[in-house]
Amino acid sequence: MAVLKVIEILANSDKSWEDATKKAVSHASKSVKNIRSVYIKEQSAGVKDGEVTEFRVNVKITFEVK
């Protein structure tokens, strides 16, 4: 039986929600090992002068505790 833990991370990108998600996983993987999955809980965007300037994600990252 595996023991799994879930952490919640906020990340942003000026390119896309996909890039923000990749950044969240990349950053988390520096200190968390055995990442199994990522769940996008929320997406939002920053807007300035009628243009989207920033993509934000709130993700849940699941990893195995050894």
Protein backbone atom coordinates (compact mmCIF):
# COMPACT_ATOMS: atom_id res chain seq x y z
CA MET A 1 0.00 0.00 0.00
CA ALA A 2 1.33 3.43 -0.93
CA VAL A 3 0.94 6.51 1.25
CA LEU A 4 0.24 9.64 -0.79
CA LYS A 5 0.31 13.27 0.24
CA VAL A 6 -1.17 16.31 -1.49
CA ILE A 7 0.22 19.83 -1.41
CA GLU A 8 -1.27 22.95 -2.94
CA ILE A 9 0.87 25.35 -4.98
CA LEU A 10 0.19 28.64 -6.73
CA ALA A 11 2.17 29.47 -9.88
CA ASN A 12 2.06 32.00 -12.69
CA SER A 13 3.33 32.51 -16.22
CA ASP A 14 3.22 35.22 -18.84
CA LYS A 15 2.78 32.53 -21.56
CA SER A 16 -0.07 30.15 -20.63
CA TRP A 17 -1.83 28.11 -17.94
CA GLU A 18 0.07 25.06 -19.20
CA ASP A 19 3.39 26.83 -18.68
CA ALA A 20 2.31 27.93 -15.19
CA THR A 21 1.46 24.30 -14.36
CA LYS A 22 4.83 23.10 -15.65
CA LYS A 23 6.56 25.75 -13.53
CA ALA A 24 4.65 24.60 -10.42
CA VAL A 25 5.69 20.97 -10.94
CA SER A 26 9.27 21.90 -11.76
CA HIS A 27 9.61 24.06 -8.66
CA ALA A 28 7.95 21.47 -6.40
CA SER A 29 10.18 18.69 -7.73
CA LYS A 30 13.24 20.48 -6.35
CA SER A 31 12.19 19.58 -2.81
CA VAL A 32 9.46 16.94 -3.26
CA LYS A 33 10.28 13.52 -4.71
CA ASN A 34 8.02 10.83 -6.19
CA ILE A 35 5.44 13.23 -7.70
CA ARG A 36 2.63 11.15 -9.15
CA SER A 37 0.11 13.65 -10.50
CA VAL A 38 -1.02 17.25 -10.67
CA TYR A 39 -4.62 18.46 -10.48
CA ILE A 40 -5.51 21.96 -11.66
CA LYS A 41 -7.85 23.29 -9.01
CA GLU A 42 -8.28 26.85 -10.32
CA GLN A 43 -7.20 29.01 -13.22
CA SER A 44 -7.22 32.80 -13.36
CA ALA A 45 -5.59 35.55 -15.36
CA GLY A 46 -4.31 39.05 -14.74
CA VAL A 47 -5.47 41.77 -17.12
CA LYS A 48 -3.98 45.18 -17.83
CA ASP A 49 -5.29 47.66 -20.38
CA GLY A 50 -7.69 45.09 -21.82
CA GLU A 51 -4.96 42.49 -22.41
CA VAL A 52 -4.19 39.28 -20.51
CA THR A 53 -0.79 39.78 -18.92
CA GLU A 54 -0.47 36.80 -16.60
CA PHE A 55 -1.85 33.27 -16.31
CA ARG A 56 -2.26 31.85 -12.81
CA VAL A 57 -2.94 28.32 -11.59
CA ASN A 58 -3.70 26.84 -8.22
CA VAL A 59 -2.61 23.18 -8.42
CA LYS A 60 -2.68 20.18 -6.15
CA ILE A 61 0.40 17.98 -6.45
CA THR A 62 0.22 14.38 -5.28
CA PHE A 63 3.35 12.51 -4.28
CA GLU A 64 4.23 9.23 -2.63
CA VAL A 65 5.65 9.30 0.89
CA LYS A 66 8.31 6.64 1.40
